Amino acid sequence: MLKTRSAVLAVTVLVAGLGLSACSEKRWCEHDATDTRVSDRYCKNGTPGYEWESGGHKKRKKPKKTKTKSH
Protein backbone atom coordinates (compact mmCIF):
# COMPACT_ATOMS: atom_id res chain seq x y z
CA MET A 1 0.00 0.00 0.00
CA LEU A 2 2.89 2.36 0.74
CA LYS A 3 4.38 1.79 -2.72
CA THR A 4 1.05 2.59 -4.35
CA ARG A 5 0.71 5.88 -2.45
CA SER A 6 4.29 6.85 -3.28
CA ALA A 7 3.75 6.10 -6.96
CA VAL A 8 0.50 8.10 -7.07
CA LEU A 9 2.14 11.02 -5.29
CA ALA A 10 5.12 10.97 -7.67
CA VAL A 11 2.88 10.97 -10.75
CA THR A 12 0.74 13.77 -9.32
CA VAL A 13 3.77 15.94 -8.62
CA LEU A 14 5.18 15.28 -12.08
CA VAL A 15 1.94 16.17 -13.86
CA ALA A 16 1.46 19.31 -11.76
CA GLY A 17 5.01 20.44 -12.39
CA LEU A 18 4.76 19.95 -16.14
CA GLY A 19 1.43 21.76 -16.27
CA LEU A 20 2.71 24.77 -14.36
CA SER A 21 5.88 25.13 -16.37
CA ALA A 22 4.05 24.87 -19.69
CA CYS A 23 1.52 27.54 -18.80
CA SER A 24 3.88 30.04 -17.27
CA GLU A 25 5.97 30.41 -20.41
CA LYS A 26 3.18 30.72 -22.95
CA ARG A 27 0.66 32.97 -21.27
CA TRP A 28 0.51 36.42 -19.78
CA CYS A 29 -2.02 38.68 -18.12
CA GLU A 30 -3.72 41.46 -20.10
CA HIS A 31 -6.18 44.25 -19.36
CA ASP A 32 -9.29 43.38 -21.37
CA ALA A 33 -10.25 46.85 -22.54
CA THR A 34 -6.82 47.90 -23.78
CA ASP A 35 -5.09 44.56 -24.47
CA THR A 36 -2.14 45.89 -22.50
CA ARG A 37 0.19 43.35 -20.92
CA VAL A 38 0.25 43.78 -17.12
CA SER A 39 1.70 42.04 -14.08
CA ASP A 40 0.52 38.44 -13.63
CA ARG A 41 -0.73 39.29 -10.14
CA TYR A 42 -3.90 40.84 -11.58
CA CYS A 43 -4.94 37.54 -13.15
CA LYS A 44 -3.70 35.45 -10.23
CA ASN A 45 -5.86 37.52 -7.87
CA GLY A 46 -8.88 37.27 -10.19
CA THR A 47 -9.13 41.04 -10.62
CA PRO A 48 -12.13 41.92 -12.81
CA GLY A 49 -11.16 43.28 -16.23
CA TYR A 50 -7.99 41.19 -16.53
CA GLU A 51 -7.56 37.81 -18.20
CA TRP A 52 -4.89 35.32 -19.18
CA GLU A 53 -3.79 35.48 -22.80
CA SER A 54 -1.69 32.97 -24.67
CA GLY A 55 0.43 33.03 -27.79
CA GLY A 56 -1.82 30.53 -29.52
CA HIS A 57 -3.92 33.09 -31.36
CA LYS A 58 -2.97 35.99 -33.55
CA LYS A 59 -4.49 39.41 -33.24
CA ARG A 60 -6.34 40.76 -36.23
CA LYS A 61 -4.64 43.44 -38.24
CA LYS A 62 -6.47 46.69 -38.76
CA PRO A 63 -7.46 47.16 -42.38
CA LYS A 64 -5.62 49.90 -44.20
CA LYS A 65 -7.65 52.97 -44.97
CA THR A 66 -7.68 53.88 -48.63
CA LYS A 67 -7.87 57.47 -49.68
CA THR A 68 -10.45 58.34 -52.25
CA LYS A 69 -9.98 61.19 -54.63
CA SER A 70 -12.77 63.68 -54.71
CA HIS A 71 -13.49 65.44 -58.01
C-alpha atoms as a PDB file:
ATOM      1  CA  MET A   1       0.000   0.000   0.000  1.00  0.00           C
ATOM      2  CA  LEU A   2       2.890   2.359   0.740  1.00  0.00           C
ATOM      3  CA  LYS A   3       4.384   1.785  -2.724  1.00  0.00           C
ATOM      4  CA  THR A   4       1.051   2.594  -4.351  1.00  0.00           C
ATOM      5  CA  ARG A   5       0.708   5.876  -2.450  1.00  0.00           C
ATOM      6  CA  SER A   6       4.286   6.853  -3.276  1.00  0.00           C
ATOM      7  CA  ALA A   7       3.749   6.105  -6.958  1.00  0.00           C
ATOM      8  CA  VAL A   8       0.499   8.103  -7.071  1.00  0.00           C
ATOM      9  CA  LEU A   9       2.142  11.019  -5.290  1.00  0.00           C
ATOM     10  CA  ALA A  10       5.121  10.972  -7.670  1.00  0.00           C
ATOM     11  CA  VAL A  11       2.882  10.965 -10.752  1.00  0.00           C
ATOM     12  CA  THR A  12       0.737  13.767  -9.319  1.00  0.00           C
ATOM     13  CA  VAL A  13       3.769  15.942  -8.618  1.00  0.00           C
ATOM     14  CA  LEU A  14       5.183  15.279 -12.085  1.00  0.00           C
ATOM     15  CA  VAL A  15       1.939  16.167 -13.860  1.00  0.00           C
ATOM     16  CA  ALA A  16       1.456  19.307 -11.758  1.00  0.00           C
ATOM     17  CA  GLY A  17       5.012  20.437 -12.391  1.00  0.00           C
ATOM     18  CA  LEU A  18       4.758  19.955 -16.140  1.00  0.00           C
ATOM     19  CA  GLY A  19       1.435  21.758 -16.269  1.00  0.00           C
ATOM     20  CA  LEU A  20       2.707  24.769 -14.365  1.00  0.00           C
ATOM     21  CA  SER A  21       5.877  25.132 -16.371  1.00  0.00           C
ATOM     22  CA  ALA A  22       4.052  24.873 -19.686  1.00  0.00           C
ATOM     23  CA  CYS A  23       1.517  27.544 -18.801  1.00  0.00           C
ATOM     24  CA  SER A  24       3.881  30.041 -17.269  1.00  0.00           C
ATOM     25  CA  GLU A  25       5.975  30.406 -20.415  1.00  0.00           C
ATOM     26  CA  LYS A  26       3.183  30.722 -22.954  1.00  0.00           C
ATOM     27  CA  ARG A  27       0.657  32.966 -21.273  1.00  0.00           C
ATOM     28  CA  TRP A  28       0.508  36.415 -19.780  1.00  0.00           C
ATOM     29  CA  CYS A  29      -2.020  38.685 -18.115  1.00  0.00           C
ATOM     30  CA  GLU A  30      -3.724  41.463 -20.096  1.00  0.00           C
ATOM     31  CA  HIS A  31      -6.176  44.248 -19.356  1.00  0.00           C
ATOM     32  CA  ASP A  32      -9.293  43.384 -21.372  1.00  0.00           C
ATOM     33  CA  ALA A  33     -10.245  46.854 -22.537  1.00  0.00           C
ATOM     34  CA  THR A  34      -6.822  47.903 -23.778  1.00  0.00           C
ATOM     35  CA  ASP A  35      -5.089  44.561 -24.472  1.00  0.00           C
ATOM     36  CA  THR A  36      -2.140  45.892 -22.501  1.00  0.00           C
ATOM     37  CA  ARG A  37       0.187  43.349 -20.919  1.00  0.00           C
ATOM     38  CA  VAL A  38       0.246  43.784 -17.123  1.00  0.00           C
ATOM     39  CA  SER A  39       1.696  42.045 -14.084  1.00  0.00           C
ATOM     40  CA  ASP A  40       0.519  38.441 -13.627  1.00  0.00           C
ATOM     41  CA  ARG A  41      -0.732  39.292 -10.141  1.00  0.00           C
ATOM     42  CA  TYR A  42      -3.903  40.841 -11.575  1.00  0.00           C
ATOM     43  CA  CYS A  43      -4.939  37.537 -13.149  1.00  0.00           C
ATOM     44  CA  LYS A  44      -3.697  35.446 -10.233  1.00  0.00           C
ATOM     45  CA  ASN A  45      -5.860  37.517  -7.874  1.00  0.00           C
ATOM     46  CA  GLY A  46      -8.875  37.270 -10.194  1.00  0.00           C
ATOM     47  CA  THR A  47      -9.130  41.042 -10.615  1.00  0.00           C
ATOM     48  CA  PRO A  48     -12.132  41.925 -12.813  1.00  0.00           C
ATOM     49  CA  GLY A  49     -11.164  43.283 -16.226  1.00  0.00           C
ATOM     50  CA  TYR A  50      -7.993  41.189 -16.531  1.00  0.00           C
ATOM     51  CA  GLU A  51      -7.563  37.806 -18.200  1.00  0.00           C
ATOM     52  CA  TRP A  52      -4.887  35.317 -19.178  1.00  0.00           C
ATOM     53  CA  GLU A  53      -3.786  35.476 -22.797  1.00  0.00           C
ATOM     54  CA  SER A  54      -1.695  32.967 -24.671  1.00  0.00           C
ATOM     55  CA  GLY A  55       0.427  33.032 -27.792  1.00  0.00           C
ATOM     56  CA  GLY A  56      -1.821  30.531 -29.523  1.00  0.00           C
ATOM     57  CA  HIS A  57      -3.919  33.089 -31.365  1.00  0.00           C
ATOM     58  CA  LYS A  58      -2.966  35.988 -33.552  1.00  0.00           C
ATOM     59  CA  LYS A  59      -4.488  39.410 -33.242  1.00  0.00           C
ATOM     60  CA  ARG A  60      -6.344  40.757 -36.234  1.00  0.00           C
ATOM     61  CA  LYS A  61      -4.642  43.445 -38.236  1.00  0.00           C
ATOM     62  CA  LYS A  62      -6.472  46.690 -38.757  1.00  0.00           C
ATOM     63  CA  PRO A  63      -7.459  47.156 -42.383  1.00  0.00           C
ATOM     64  CA  LYS A  64      -5.620  49.903 -44.200  1.00  0.00           C
ATOM     65  CA  LYS A  65      -7.649  52.974 -44.974  1.00  0.00           C
ATOM     66  CA  THR A  66      -7.677  53.876 -48.627  1.00  0.00           C
ATOM     67  CA  LYS A  67      -7.872  57.468 -49.679  1.00  0.00           C
ATOM     68  CA  THR A  68     -10.455  58.338 -52.254  1.00  0.00           C
ATOM     69  CA  LYS A  69      -9.978  61.192 -54.628  1.00  0.00           C
ATOM     70  CA  SER A  70     -12.765  63.681 -54.715  1.00  0.00           C
ATOM     71  CA  HIS A  71     -13.492  65.436 -58.010  1.00  0.00           C
END
